[in-house]
C-alpha atoms as a PDB file:
ATOM      1  CA  MET A   1     276.622   6.151 153.763  1.00  0.00           C
ATOM      2  CA  SER A   2     273.372   4.195 153.733  1.00  0.00           C
ATOM      3  CA  VAL A   3     271.000   4.187 150.781  1.00  0.00           C
ATOM      4  CA  SER A   4     267.280   3.535 151.117  1.00  0.00           C
ATOM      5  CA  GLY A   5     264.532   2.840 148.643  1.00  0.00           C
ATOM      6  CA  SER A   6     260.964   1.644 148.604  1.00  0.00           C
ATOM      7  CA  ILE A   7     258.344   0.494 146.140  1.00  0.00           C
ATOM      8  CA  GLU A   8     254.652  -0.295 146.382  1.00  0.00           C
ATOM      9  CA  PHE A   9     252.974  -2.845 144.139  1.00  0.00           C
ATOM     10  CA  GLU A  10     250.011  -5.176 144.026  1.00  0.00           C
ATOM     11  CA  ILE A  11     249.815  -8.944 143.618  1.00  0.00           C
ATOM     12  CA  LYS A  12     246.614 -10.695 142.568  1.00  0.00           C
ATOM     13  CA  ALA A  13     246.728 -13.193 145.419  1.00  0.00           C
ATOM     14  CA  SER A  14     245.589 -13.265 149.031  1.00  0.00           C
ATOM     15  CA  PRO A  15     247.894 -11.940 151.748  1.00  0.00           C
ATOM     16  CA  GLU A  16     248.178 -15.513 153.052  1.00  0.00           C
ATOM     17  CA  LYS A  17     249.434 -16.758 149.677  1.00  0.00           C
ATOM     18  CA  VAL A  18     251.914 -13.866 149.412  1.00  0.00           C
ATOM     19  CA  MET A  19     253.165 -14.480 152.956  1.00  0.00           C
ATOM     20  CA  GLU A  20     253.557 -18.179 152.179  1.00  0.00           C
ATOM     21  CA  ALA A  21     255.877 -17.254 149.286  1.00  0.00           C
ATOM     22  CA  LEU A  22     257.867 -14.811 151.436  1.00  0.00           C
ATOM     23  CA  VAL A  23     258.325 -17.367 154.223  1.00  0.00           C
ATOM     24  CA  ASP A  24     259.632 -19.843 151.626  1.00  0.00           C
ATOM     25  CA  VAL A  25     263.064 -18.175 151.556  1.00  0.00           C
ATOM     26  CA  GLU A  26     264.651 -21.255 149.993  1.00  0.00           C
ATOM     27  CA  SER A  27     262.733 -20.314 146.820  1.00  0.00           C
ATOM     28  CA  LEU A  28     264.369 -16.871 146.568  1.00  0.00           C
ATOM     29  CA  PRO A  29     266.708 -17.995 143.751  1.00  0.00           C
ATOM     30  CA  GLN A  30     263.622 -18.916 141.693  1.00  0.00           C
ATOM     31  CA  TRP A  31     262.338 -15.356 141.589  1.00  0.00           C
ATOM     32  CA  SER A  32     265.303 -13.168 142.520  1.00  0.00           C
ATOM     33  CA  SER A  33     268.164 -13.184 140.020  1.00  0.00           C
ATOM     34  CA  SER A  34     270.494 -11.760 142.693  1.00  0.00           C
ATOM     35  CA  HIS A  35     270.124 -14.755 145.022  1.00  0.00           C
ATOM     36  CA  ARG A  36     272.418 -17.617 144.034  1.00  0.00           C
ATOM     37  CA  LYS A  37     272.025 -19.832 147.096  1.00  0.00           C
ATOM     38  CA  VAL A  38     269.977 -19.682 150.289  1.00  0.00           C
ATOM     39  CA  GLU A  39     270.328 -21.828 153.409  1.00  0.00           C
ATOM     40  CA  VAL A  40     268.114 -21.626 156.479  1.00  0.00           C
ATOM     41  CA  ARG A  41     270.400 -21.862 159.514  1.00  0.00           C
ATOM     42  CA  SER A  42     267.686 -21.653 162.196  1.00  0.00           C
ATOM     43  CA  ARG A  43     263.908 -21.397 162.502  1.00  0.00           C
ATOM     44  CA  ASP A  44     261.562 -19.687 164.942  1.00  0.00           C
ATOM     45  CA  ASP A  45     259.109 -21.567 167.164  1.00  0.00           C
ATOM     46  CA  GLN A  46     256.538 -21.576 164.322  1.00  0.00           C
ATOM     47  CA  GLY A  47     258.990 -23.144 161.862  1.00  0.00           C
ATOM     48  CA  ARG A  48     259.602 -19.967 159.878  1.00  0.00           C
ATOM     49  CA  PRO A  49     263.143 -19.020 158.844  1.00  0.00           C
ATOM     50  CA  LYS A  50     265.001 -17.011 161.466  1.00  0.00           C
ATOM     51  CA  GLN A  51     268.682 -16.933 160.529  1.00  0.00           C
ATOM     52  CA  VAL A  52     269.372 -17.329 156.832  1.00  0.00           C
ATOM     53  CA  TRP A  53     272.674 -17.425 154.934  1.00  0.00           C
ATOM     54  CA  MET A  54     272.610 -16.144 151.346  1.00  0.00           C
ATOM     55  CA  ALA A  55     275.056 -16.022 148.477  1.00  0.00           C
ATOM     56  CA  ILE A  56     274.138 -13.091 146.260  1.00  0.00           C
ATOM     57  CA  SER A  57     275.458 -11.437 143.134  1.00  0.00           C
ATOM     58  CA  THR A  58     274.374  -8.009 141.948  1.00  0.00           C
ATOM     59  CA  MET A  59     275.954  -6.235 139.005  1.00  0.00           C
ATOM     60  CA  GLY A  60     278.927  -8.608 139.142  1.00  0.00           C
ATOM     61  CA  ILE A  61     279.550  -8.023 142.860  1.00  0.00           C
ATOM     62  CA  ASN A  62     279.374 -11.227 144.883  1.00  0.00           C
ATOM     63  CA  ASP A  63     278.605 -11.331 148.575  1.00  0.00           C
ATOM     64  CA  GLU A  64     277.655 -13.743 151.309  1.00  0.00           C
ATOM     65  CA  GLN A  65     275.440 -12.543 154.109  1.00  0.00           C
ATOM     66  CA  LEU A  66     273.720 -13.811 157.222  1.00  0.00           C
ATOM     67  CA  VAL A  67     270.369 -12.166 157.923  1.00  0.00           C
ATOM     68  CA  GLU A  68     267.791 -12.556 160.645  1.00  0.00           C
ATOM     69  CA  TYR A  69     264.112 -12.593 159.770  1.00  0.00           C
ATOM     70  CA  ALA A  70     261.137 -11.599 161.909  1.00  0.00           C
ATOM     71  CA  PHE A  71     257.523 -12.220 160.896  1.00  0.00           C
ATOM     72  CA  THR A  72     254.119 -10.931 161.947  1.00  0.00           C
ATOM     73  CA  ASP A  73     250.779 -11.632 160.277  1.00  0.00           C
ATOM     74  CA  ASP A  74     251.343  -8.833 157.767  1.00  0.00           C
ATOM     75  CA  THR A  75     255.084  -8.050 157.782  1.00  0.00           C
ATOM     76  CA  VAL A  76     258.385  -9.659 156.948  1.00  0.00           C
ATOM     77  CA  HIS A  77     261.462  -7.878 158.253  1.00  0.00           C
ATOM     78  CA  TRP A  78     265.160  -8.777 158.072  1.00  0.00           C
ATOM     79  CA  ASP A  79     268.468  -7.325 159.170  1.00  0.00           C
ATOM     80  CA  LEU A  80     272.045  -8.196 158.374  1.00  0.00           C
ATOM     81  CA  LEU A  81     273.372  -9.923 161.506  1.00  0.00           C
ATOM     82  CA  GLU A  82     277.001  -9.063 160.923  1.00  0.00           C
ATOM     83  CA  PRO A  83     278.829  -7.055 158.288  1.00  0.00           C
ATOM     84  CA  SER A  84     279.347  -9.001 155.073  1.00  0.00           C
ATOM     85  CA  ASN A  85     282.198  -8.607 152.600  1.00  0.00           C
ATOM     86  CA  GLN A  86     280.341  -5.828 150.802  1.00  0.00           C
ATOM     87  CA  GLN A  87     277.848  -4.385 153.318  1.00  0.00           C
ATOM     88  CA  LYS A  88     278.052  -2.786 156.734  1.00  0.00           C
ATOM     89  CA  LEU A  89     274.294  -2.925 157.161  1.00  0.00           C
ATOM     90  CA  GLN A  90     271.143  -4.129 155.468  1.00  0.00           C
ATOM     91  CA  SER A  91     267.580  -3.807 156.657  1.00  0.00           C
ATOM     92  CA  GLY A  92     264.517  -4.705 154.644  1.00  0.00           C
ATOM     93  CA  SER A  93     260.821  -5.304 154.983  1.00  0.00           C
ATOM     94  CA  TYR A  94     257.619  -6.199 153.202  1.00  0.00           C
ATOM     95  CA  VAL A  95     254.332  -4.889 154.578  1.00  0.00           C
ATOM     96  CA  LEU A  96     251.208  -6.612 153.232  1.00  0.00           C
ATOM     97  CA  THR A  97     247.753  -5.052 153.055  1.00  0.00           C
ATOM     98  CA  ALA A  98     244.667  -6.889 151.795  1.00  0.00           C
ATOM     99  CA  THR A  99     242.848  -5.226 148.885  1.00  0.00           C
ATOM    100  CA  PRO A 100     239.735  -6.242 146.932  1.00  0.00           C
ATOM    101  CA  GLU A 101     242.023  -7.411 144.090  1.00  0.00           C
ATOM    102  CA  GLY A 102     244.578  -9.238 146.255  1.00  0.00           C
ATOM    103  CA  THR A 103     247.476  -7.813 148.248  1.00  0.00           C
ATOM    104  CA  LYS A 104     249.234  -4.454 148.217  1.00  0.00           C
ATOM    105  CA  LEU A 105     252.874  -4.683 149.263  1.00  0.00           C
ATOM    106  CA  LYS A 106     255.314  -2.049 150.355  1.00  0.00           C
ATOM    107  CA  PHE A 107     258.939  -3.143 150.056  1.00  0.00           C
ATOM    108  CA  GLU A 108     261.638  -1.095 151.772  1.00  0.00           C
ATOM    109  CA  LEU A 109     265.381  -1.728 151.668  1.00  0.00           C
ATOM    110  CA  THR A 110     268.286   0.108 153.288  1.00  0.00           C
ATOM    111  CA  VAL A 111     271.907  -0.864 152.683  1.00  0.00           C
ATOM    112  CA  ASP A 112     275.203   0.633 153.745  1.00  0.00           C
ATOM    113  CA  LEU A 113     278.044  -0.508 151.510  1.00  0.00           C
ATOM    114  CA  LYS A 114     281.577  -1.019 152.806  1.00  0.00           C
ATOM    115  CA  ILE A 115     283.287   0.039 149.611  1.00  0.00           C
ATOM    116  CA  PRO A 116     282.709   3.422 148.021  1.00  0.00           C
ATOM    117  CA  MET A 117     280.906   3.171 144.693  1.00  0.00           C
ATOM    118  CA  PRO A 118     279.887   5.805 142.180  1.00  0.00           C
ATOM    119  CA  GLY A 119     276.369   7.094 142.858  1.00  0.00           C
ATOM    120  CA  PHE A 120     275.008   5.930 139.510  1.00  0.00           C
ATOM    121  CA  LEU A 121     276.067   2.326 140.264  1.00  0.00           C
ATOM    122  CA  VAL A 122     274.470   2.436 143.707  1.00  0.00           C
ATOM    123  CA  LYS A 123     271.229   3.772 142.188  1.00  0.00           C
ATOM    124  CA  ARG A 124     271.283   1.099 139.460  1.00  0.00           C
ATOM    125  CA  GLY A 125     271.755  -1.649 142.056  1.00  0.00           C
ATOM    126  CA  GLN A 126     268.979  -0.194 144.171  1.00  0.00           C
ATOM    127  CA  LYS A 127     266.649  -0.034 141.159  1.00  0.00           C
ATOM    128  CA  MET A 128     267.428  -3.660 140.312  1.00  0.00           C
ATOM    129  CA  ALA A 129     266.658  -4.761 143.881  1.00  0.00           C
ATOM    130  CA  LEU A 130     263.341  -2.906 143.926  1.00  0.00           C
ATOM    131  CA  GLU A 131     262.316  -4.251 140.511  1.00  0.00           C
ATOM    132  CA  THR A 132     263.228  -7.809 141.478  1.00  0.00           C
ATOM    133  CA  ALA A 133     261.302  -7.471 144.721  1.00  0.00           C
ATOM    134  CA  SER A 134     258.214  -6.356 142.850  1.00  0.00           C
ATOM    135  CA  LYS A 135     258.226  -8.001 139.418  1.00  0.00           C
ATOM    136  CA  GLY A 136     259.955 -11.234 140.419  1.00  0.00           C
ATOM    137  CA  LEU A 137     257.823 -11.807 143.502  1.00  0.00           C
ATOM    138  CA  LYS A 138     254.628 -10.894 141.633  1.00  0.00           C
ATOM    139  CA  LYS A 139     255.352 -13.373 138.847  1.00  0.00           C
ATOM    140  CA  PHE A 140     256.382 -16.076 141.338  1.00  0.00           C
ATOM    141  CA  VAL A 141     253.259 -15.733 143.527  1.00  0.00           C
ATOM    142  CA  GLU A 142     250.746 -15.334 140.700  1.00  0.00           C
ATOM    143  CA  GLY A 143     252.254 -18.354 138.920  1.00  0.00           C
ATOM    144  CA  ARG A 144     251.926 -20.670 141.943  1.00  0.00           C
END
C-alpha cells in the first residue's frame, strides 16, 4: 500500500538559488538527517545528477536505494529505479514558484513499503520526511 504526502513552504531565496541546492544532491546529508551517504552514479547532458545511490536511515530503518532524477527549470522529480530492501516504490518532486519574497515550494512524496508497518509509524516517518524536506532545505538554502 503506497502512502503519499505533500507540504508547501517558502524559502527566502531566488528559484535559481533553491534549484542550485536541489541539484547539489551530494549535499543532502548536510540538510537531511535521513541521508547518510549519497553518490552520483551518472549525470545528464547538462551535468545534473541522473542516477543517484543513497544510503538512508529513518526511524532506525536503514535502506539503500538507487533513484533517477529529472529536472526542468522549475521542477525536480525522482523515482526509485528498482525496489530497495525496504521500498517497492518511491516517487518524489519539488515544484518551485517565484514569489515576491523568494520561492514557494511544493514537495510531494509517495512511497510503497515492502514490509508491513503499523500506521502510526508510517505516518511518523512521513511527517519526518516532509519536515526535513521543508525545514532542512530552508535552513540549508537560506544559510548559503
